[in-house]
């Protein structure tokens, strides 16, 4: 049975193994130093009250996890990091995907909208599409949101993440830093060797 819950210090070991074993770490790009930075930061991420971190589990085995963070500079949050083992997708797809994602979606947006009163969030992607509302990219988090929208349309499952409209915030050329501090934080305070698009999602209904 696949379940989900907030991550704790007891999950750090499994998270570390998952990060270490994945060939890519961000937007399809591989960087061993960035992997090490994420791993070293996990204790702070798990215990930081600004973070809301969710994991998917099957009989105690971590299938995937997402790290979300409330922004200290404005009333918004960041869809920061999502990672899953390649084999985990087979287990998730073999279960009732709509129910699993709906439960995760509800817990995430209950936390952000009801508890924290946040109705805007940011996410970063490769700059691969000129369409400001197109969420297709090579990132796992992006594919999950796109999947949620398709399920909502085809099966009548209510995914609250589909109630947001997406707009461009900025395009960051490869190997450059954006102008503003909040944009720098969204891309992990470093440059990337690919053009990056930061998108902002605002609740519309």
C-alpha atoms as a PDB file:
ATOM      1  CA  UNK A   1       0.000   0.000   0.000  1.00  0.00           C
ATOM      2  CA  UNK A   2       1.301   3.423  -0.956  1.00  0.00           C
ATOM      3  CA  UNK A   3       0.984   6.122   1.689  1.00  0.00           C
ATOM      4  CA  UNK A   4       2.362   9.608   2.204  1.00  0.00           C
ATOM      5  CA  UNK A   5       3.373  11.719   5.188  1.00  0.00           C
ATOM      6  CA  UNK A   6       5.639  14.529   6.239  1.00  0.00           C
ATOM      7  CA  UNK A   7       9.318  13.635   6.260  1.00  0.00           C
ATOM      8  CA  UNK A   8      11.282  13.331   9.507  1.00  0.00           C
ATOM      9  CA  UNK A   9      14.896  12.919  10.537  1.00  0.00           C
ATOM     10  CA  UNK A  10      14.401   9.151  10.341  1.00  0.00           C
ATOM     11  CA  UNK A  11      13.936   9.471   6.560  1.00  0.00           C
ATOM     12  CA  UNK A  12      17.237  11.235   5.859  1.00  0.00           C
ATOM     13  CA  UNK A  13      19.135   8.011   5.212  1.00  0.00           C
ATOM     14  CA  UNK A  14      16.701   6.869   2.523  1.00  0.00           C
ATOM     15  CA  UNK A  15      16.607  10.366   1.023  1.00  0.00           C
ATOM     16  CA  UNK A  16      20.409  10.410   0.859  1.00  0.00           C
ATOM     17  CA  UNK A  17      20.520   7.065  -0.946  1.00  0.00           C
ATOM     18  CA  UNK A  18      17.908   8.241  -3.447  1.00  0.00           C
ATOM     19  CA  UNK A  19      19.767  11.475  -4.195  1.00  0.00           C
ATOM     20  CA  UNK A  20      23.102   9.655  -4.510  1.00  0.00           C
ATOM     21  CA  UNK A  21      21.749   7.043  -6.921  1.00  0.00           C
ATOM     22  CA  UNK A  22      20.006   9.424  -9.308  1.00  0.00           C
ATOM     23  CA  UNK A  23      22.048  10.544 -12.334  1.00  0.00           C
ATOM     24  CA  UNK A  24      20.362  13.950 -12.463  1.00  0.00           C
ATOM     25  CA  UNK A  25      19.624  16.381  -9.659  1.00  0.00           C
ATOM     26  CA  UNK A  26      17.963  19.467 -11.126  1.00  0.00           C
ATOM     27  CA  UNK A  27      16.217  20.104 -14.448  1.00  0.00           C
ATOM     28  CA  UNK A  28      17.874  17.019 -15.948  1.00  0.00           C
ATOM     29  CA  UNK A  29      21.328  18.321 -15.115  1.00  0.00           C
ATOM     30  CA  UNK A  30      23.873  16.243 -13.204  1.00  0.00           C
ATOM     31  CA  UNK A  31      26.153  17.906 -10.672  1.00  0.00           C
ATOM     32  CA  UNK A  32      27.866  15.911  -7.925  1.00  0.00           C
ATOM     33  CA  UNK A  33      28.638  19.015  -5.871  1.00  0.00           C
ATOM     34  CA  UNK A  34      24.981  20.020  -5.896  1.00  0.00           C
ATOM     35  CA  UNK A  35      24.023  16.504  -4.795  1.00  0.00           C
ATOM     36  CA  UNK A  36      26.430  16.823  -1.873  1.00  0.00           C
ATOM     37  CA  UNK A  37      25.033  20.255  -1.008  1.00  0.00           C
ATOM     38  CA  UNK A  38      21.483  18.878  -0.896  1.00  0.00           C
ATOM     39  CA  UNK A  39      22.528  15.915   1.240  1.00  0.00           C
ATOM     40  CA  UNK A  40      24.413  18.086   3.728  1.00  0.00           C
ATOM     41  CA  UNK A  41      21.416  20.424   4.002  1.00  0.00           C
ATOM     42  CA  UNK A  42      18.822  17.702   4.649  1.00  0.00           C
ATOM     43  CA  UNK A  43      18.844  17.966   8.481  1.00  0.00           C
ATOM     44  CA  UNK A  44      18.173  21.709   8.254  1.00  0.00           C
ATOM     45  CA  UNK A  45      15.539  21.222   5.556  1.00  0.00           C
ATOM     46  CA  UNK A  46      13.691  18.600   7.593  1.00  0.00           C
ATOM     47  CA  UNK A  47      13.643  20.738  10.739  1.00  0.00           C
ATOM     48  CA  UNK A  48      13.098  24.189   9.200  1.00  0.00           C
ATOM     49  CA  UNK A  49       9.525  25.383   9.999  1.00  0.00           C
ATOM     50  CA  UNK A  50       9.429  27.226   6.660  1.00  0.00           C
ATOM     51  CA  UNK A  51       9.664  23.871   4.873  1.00  0.00           C
ATOM     52  CA  UNK A  52       6.844  21.448   4.183  1.00  0.00           C
ATOM     53  CA  UNK A  53       8.303  18.148   3.008  1.00  0.00           C
ATOM     54  CA  UNK A  54       6.259  15.166   1.846  1.00  0.00           C
ATOM     55  CA  UNK A  55       7.321  11.616   1.083  1.00  0.00           C
ATOM     56  CA  UNK A  56       5.605   8.740  -0.736  1.00  0.00           C
ATOM     57  CA  UNK A  57       6.143   5.339   0.904  1.00  0.00           C
ATOM     58  CA  UNK A  58       5.398   1.697   0.185  1.00  0.00           C
ATOM     59  CA  UNK A  59       5.637  -0.451   3.333  1.00  0.00           C
ATOM     60  CA  UNK A  60       8.161   1.963   4.821  1.00  0.00           C
ATOM     61  CA  UNK A  61      10.243   2.194   1.639  1.00  0.00           C
ATOM     62  CA  UNK A  62      10.655   5.721   0.300  1.00  0.00           C
ATOM     63  CA  UNK A  63       9.419   5.968  -3.292  1.00  0.00           C
ATOM     64  CA  UNK A  64       9.822   9.713  -3.760  1.00  0.00           C
ATOM     65  CA  UNK A  65       9.797  13.006  -1.926  1.00  0.00           C
ATOM     66  CA  UNK A  66       9.093  16.696  -2.436  1.00  0.00           C
ATOM     67  CA  UNK A  67      10.638  19.659  -0.636  1.00  0.00           C
ATOM     68  CA  UNK A  68       8.495  22.807  -0.525  1.00  0.00           C
ATOM     69  CA  UNK A  69       9.414  26.030   1.247  1.00  0.00           C
ATOM     70  CA  UNK A  70       7.569  29.127   2.366  1.00  0.00           C
ATOM     71  CA  UNK A  71       9.411  32.210   1.174  1.00  0.00           C
ATOM     72  CA  UNK A  72      10.662  34.533   3.951  1.00  0.00           C
ATOM     73  CA  UNK A  73      10.547  37.564   1.650  1.00  0.00           C
ATOM     74  CA  UNK A  74       6.941  37.459   0.382  1.00  0.00           C
ATOM     75  CA  UNK A  75       3.619  35.616   0.917  1.00  0.00           C
ATOM     76  CA  UNK A  76       4.400  32.736  -1.416  1.00  0.00           C
ATOM     77  CA  UNK A  77       6.090  29.344  -1.447  1.00  0.00           C
ATOM     78  CA  UNK A  78       8.494  27.480  -3.710  1.00  0.00           C
ATOM     79  CA  UNK A  79       7.954  24.100  -5.303  1.00  0.00           C
ATOM     80  CA  UNK A  80      11.578  23.403  -4.595  1.00  0.00           C
ATOM     81  CA  UNK A  81      12.580  19.836  -5.285  1.00  0.00           C
ATOM     82  CA  UNK A  82      10.957  16.545  -6.252  1.00  0.00           C
ATOM     83  CA  UNK A  83      12.818  13.274  -6.636  1.00  0.00           C
ATOM     84  CA  UNK A  84      11.777   9.642  -7.122  1.00  0.00           C
ATOM     85  CA  UNK A  85      13.563   6.436  -7.968  1.00  0.00           C
ATOM     86  CA  UNK A  86      13.048   5.281 -11.546  1.00  0.00           C
ATOM     87  CA  UNK A  87      11.550   2.012 -10.306  1.00  0.00           C
ATOM     88  CA  UNK A  88       9.216   3.917  -7.988  1.00  0.00           C
ATOM     89  CA  UNK A  89       7.190   5.215 -10.910  1.00  0.00           C
ATOM     90  CA  UNK A  90       6.292   1.614 -11.792  1.00  0.00           C
ATOM     91  CA  UNK A  91       4.904   1.056  -8.286  1.00  0.00           C
ATOM     92  CA  UNK A  92       3.007   4.326  -8.312  1.00  0.00           C
ATOM     93  CA  UNK A  93       1.602   3.700 -11.782  1.00  0.00           C
ATOM     94  CA  UNK A  94       0.561   0.219 -10.696  1.00  0.00           C
ATOM     95  CA  UNK A  95      -1.544   1.680  -7.885  1.00  0.00           C
ATOM     96  CA  UNK A  96      -4.510   4.033  -8.119  1.00  0.00           C
ATOM     97  CA  UNK A  97      -2.551   7.073  -9.234  1.00  0.00           C
ATOM     98  CA  UNK A  98      -5.464   9.489  -9.031  1.00  0.00           C
ATOM     99  CA  UNK A  99      -6.187   8.705  -5.372  1.00  0.00           C
ATOM    100  CA  UNK A 100      -2.517   8.869  -4.390  1.00  0.00           C
ATOM    101  CA  UNK A 101      -1.900  12.206  -6.057  1.00  0.00           C
ATOM    102  CA  UNK A 102      -5.195  13.637  -4.843  1.00  0.00           C
ATOM    103  CA  UNK A 103      -4.288  12.901  -1.217  1.00  0.00           C
ATOM    104  CA  UNK A 104      -0.820  14.418  -1.599  1.00  0.00           C
ATOM    105  CA  UNK A 105      -2.255  17.407  -3.442  1.00  0.00           C
ATOM    106  CA  UNK A 106      -4.850  18.017  -0.736  1.00  0.00           C
ATOM    107  CA  UNK A 107      -2.365  17.821   2.123  1.00  0.00           C
ATOM    108  CA  UNK A 108       0.066  20.141   0.358  1.00  0.00           C
ATOM    109  CA  UNK A 109      -2.519  22.796  -0.466  1.00  0.00           C
ATOM    110  CA  UNK A 110      -4.262  22.476   2.901  1.00  0.00           C
ATOM    111  CA  UNK A 111      -0.930  23.378   4.445  1.00  0.00           C
ATOM    112  CA  UNK A 112      -0.137  26.233   2.093  1.00  0.00           C
ATOM    113  CA  UNK A 113      -3.611  27.736   1.623  1.00  0.00           C
ATOM    114  CA  UNK A 114      -5.386  27.057   4.909  1.00  0.00           C
ATOM    115  CA  UNK A 115      -2.585  26.918   7.462  1.00  0.00           C
ATOM    116  CA  UNK A 116      -0.107  29.380   5.946  1.00  0.00           C
ATOM    117  CA  UNK A 117      -2.568  31.515   3.926  1.00  0.00           C
ATOM    118  CA  UNK A 118      -0.386  31.371   0.806  1.00  0.00           C
ATOM    119  CA  UNK A 119      -2.021  31.445  -2.617  1.00  0.00           C
ATOM    120  CA  UNK A 120       1.009  31.883  -4.850  1.00  0.00           C
ATOM    121  CA  UNK A 121       4.001  29.684  -5.564  1.00  0.00           C
ATOM    122  CA  UNK A 122       7.080  29.594  -7.779  1.00  0.00           C
ATOM    123  CA  UNK A 123       8.805  26.840  -9.738  1.00  0.00           C
ATOM    124  CA  UNK A 124      11.836  26.771 -12.037  1.00  0.00           C
ATOM    125  CA  UNK A 125      12.091  24.889 -15.329  1.00  0.00           C
ATOM    126  CA  UNK A 126      14.277  24.607 -18.412  1.00  0.00           C
ATOM    127  CA  UNK A 127      13.259  27.359 -20.808  1.00  0.00           C
ATOM    128  CA  UNK A 128      11.900  24.979 -23.449  1.00  0.00           C
ATOM    129  CA  UNK A 129       8.508  26.454 -24.352  1.00  0.00           C
ATOM    130  CA  UNK A 130       7.327  29.979 -25.228  1.00  0.00           C
ATOM    131  CA  UNK A 131       3.840  29.156 -23.894  1.00  0.00           C
ATOM    132  CA  UNK A 132       3.514  30.749 -20.447  1.00  0.00           C
ATOM    133  CA  UNK A 133       0.885  28.233 -19.345  1.00  0.00           C
ATOM    134  CA  UNK A 134       2.558  25.113 -20.751  1.00  0.00           C
ATOM    135  CA  UNK A 135       3.998  23.040 -17.907  1.00  0.00           C
ATOM    136  CA  UNK A 136       5.751  20.435 -20.025  1.00  0.00           C
ATOM    137  CA  UNK A 137       9.410  20.038 -19.165  1.00  0.00           C
ATOM    138  CA  UNK A 138      11.884  17.380 -18.183  1.00  0.00           C
ATOM    139  CA  UNK A 139      11.353  17.876 -14.438  1.00  0.00           C
ATOM    140  CA  UNK A 140       9.499  15.334 -12.320  1.00  0.00           C
ATOM    141  CA  UNK A 141       7.497  17.971 -10.463  1.00  0.00           C
ATOM    142  CA  UNK A 142       6.370  19.432 -13.762  1.00  0.00           C
ATOM    143  CA  UNK A 143       5.231  16.064 -15.096  1.00  0.00           C
ATOM    144  CA  UNK A 144       3.269  15.417 -11.906  1.00  0.00           C
ATOM    145  CA  UNK A 145       1.354  18.682 -12.231  1.00  0.00           C
ATOM    146  CA  UNK A 146       0.658  18.042 -15.904  1.00  0.00           C
ATOM    147  CA  UNK A 147      -0.542  14.547 -15.019  1.00  0.00           C
ATOM    148  CA  UNK A 148      -2.821  15.967 -12.307  1.00  0.00           C
ATOM    149  CA  UNK A 149      -4.472  18.315 -14.786  1.00  0.00           C
ATOM    150  CA  UNK A 150      -5.109  15.489 -17.243  1.00  0.00           C
ATOM    151  CA  UNK A 151      -6.593  13.295 -14.516  1.00  0.00           C
ATOM    152  CA  UNK A 152      -8.825  16.094 -13.308  1.00  0.00           C
ATOM    153  CA  UNK A 153     -10.183  16.565 -16.804  1.00  0.00           C
ATOM    154  CA  UNK A 154     -10.635  12.876 -17.652  1.00  0.00           C
ATOM    155  CA  UNK A 155     -11.745  11.363 -14.328  1.00  0.00           C
ATOM    156  CA  UNK A 156     -13.324  14.203 -12.434  1.00  0.00           C
ATOM    157  CA  UNK A 157     -10.730  14.068  -9.645  1.00  0.00           C
ATOM    158  CA  UNK A 158     -10.334  17.454  -7.982  1.00  0.00           C
ATOM    159  CA  UNK A 159      -6.670  18.454  -7.924  1.00  0.00           C
ATOM    160  CA  UNK A 160      -6.358  21.844  -6.291  1.00  0.00           C
ATOM    161  CA  UNK A 161      -3.046  22.510  -8.037  1.00  0.00           C
ATOM    162  CA  UNK A 162      -5.066  22.790 -11.256  1.00  0.00           C
ATOM    163  CA  UNK A 163      -6.807  25.868  -9.829  1.00  0.00           C
ATOM    164  CA  UNK A 164      -3.724  27.998 -10.438  1.00  0.00           C
ATOM    165  CA  UNK A 165      -2.726  30.012 -13.476  1.00  0.00           C
ATOM    166  CA  UNK A 166       0.950  30.118 -14.450  1.00  0.00           C
ATOM    167  CA  UNK A 167       2.903  33.128 -15.709  1.00  0.00           C
ATOM    168  CA  UNK A 168       6.502  33.879 -16.551  1.00  0.00           C
ATOM    169  CA  UNK A 169       8.460  35.594 -13.798  1.00  0.00           C
ATOM    170  CA  UNK A 170      11.814  35.762 -15.586  1.00  0.00           C
ATOM    171  CA  UNK A 171      14.095  33.958 -18.015  1.00  0.00           C
ATOM    172  CA  UNK A 172      17.636  33.405 -16.756  1.00  0.00           C
ATOM    173  CA  UNK A 173      20.297  32.882 -19.446  1.00  0.00           C
ATOM    174  CA  UNK A 174      22.712  30.013 -18.941  1.00  0.00           C
ATOM    175  CA  UNK A 175      25.590  30.637 -16.528  1.00  0.00           C
ATOM    176  CA  UNK A 176      24.141  33.882 -15.162  1.00  0.00           C
ATOM    177  CA  UNK A 177      22.463  34.872 -11.906  1.00  0.00           C
ATOM    178  CA  UNK A 178      19.083  36.627 -11.884  1.00  0.00           C
ATOM    179  CA  UNK A 179      18.810  40.175 -10.564  1.00  0.00           C
ATOM    180  CA  UNK A 180      16.672  39.722  -7.469  1.00  0.00           C
ATOM    181  CA  UNK A 181      17.410  37.792  -4.275  1.00  0.00           C
ATOM    182  CA  UNK A 182      14.138  35.821  -4.335  1.00  0.00           C
ATOM    183  CA  UNK A 183      14.923  34.615  -7.867  1.00  0.00           C
ATOM    184  CA  UNK A 184      18.416  33.604  -6.824  1.00  0.00           C
ATOM    185  CA  UNK A 185      16.992  31.582  -3.921  1.00  0.00           C
ATOM    186  CA  UNK A 186      14.548  29.773  -6.227  1.00  0.00           C
ATOM    187  CA  UNK A 187      17.415  28.436  -8.365  1.00  0.00           C
ATOM    188  CA  UNK A 188      19.457  27.410  -5.292  1.00  0.00           C
ATOM    189  CA  UNK A 189      21.708  30.495  -5.245  1.00  0.00           C
ATOM    190  CA  UNK A 190      23.869  29.312  -8.113  1.00  0.00           C
ATOM    191  CA  UNK A 191      24.132  29.453 -11.894  1.00  0.00           C
ATOM    192  CA  UNK A 192      23.063  26.650 -14.231  1.00  0.00           C
ATOM    193  CA  UNK A 193      24.487  25.768 -17.671  1.00  0.00           C
ATOM    194  CA  UNK A 194      21.010  25.895 -19.249  1.00  0.00           C
ATOM    195  CA  UNK A 195      18.522  28.695 -19.826  1.00  0.00           C
ATOM    196  CA  UNK A 196      16.085  28.632 -16.917  1.00  0.00           C
ATOM    197  CA  UNK A 197      12.528  29.901 -16.670  1.00  0.00           C
ATOM    198  CA  UNK A 198      11.014  30.858 -13.315  1.00  0.00           C
ATOM    199  CA  UNK A 199       7.236  30.628 -13.305  1.00  0.00           C
ATOM    200  CA  UNK A 200       4.803  31.977 -10.772  1.00  0.00           C
ATOM    201  CA  UNK A 201       1.453  30.301 -10.106  1.00  0.00           C
ATOM    202  CA  UNK A 202      -1.439  32.336  -8.698  1.00  0.00           C
ATOM    203  CA  UNK A 203      -4.716  30.860  -7.495  1.00  0.00           C
ATOM    204  CA  UNK A 204      -7.465  31.768  -9.911  1.00  0.00           C
ATOM    205  CA  UNK A 205     -10.578  30.092  -8.414  1.00  0.00           C
END
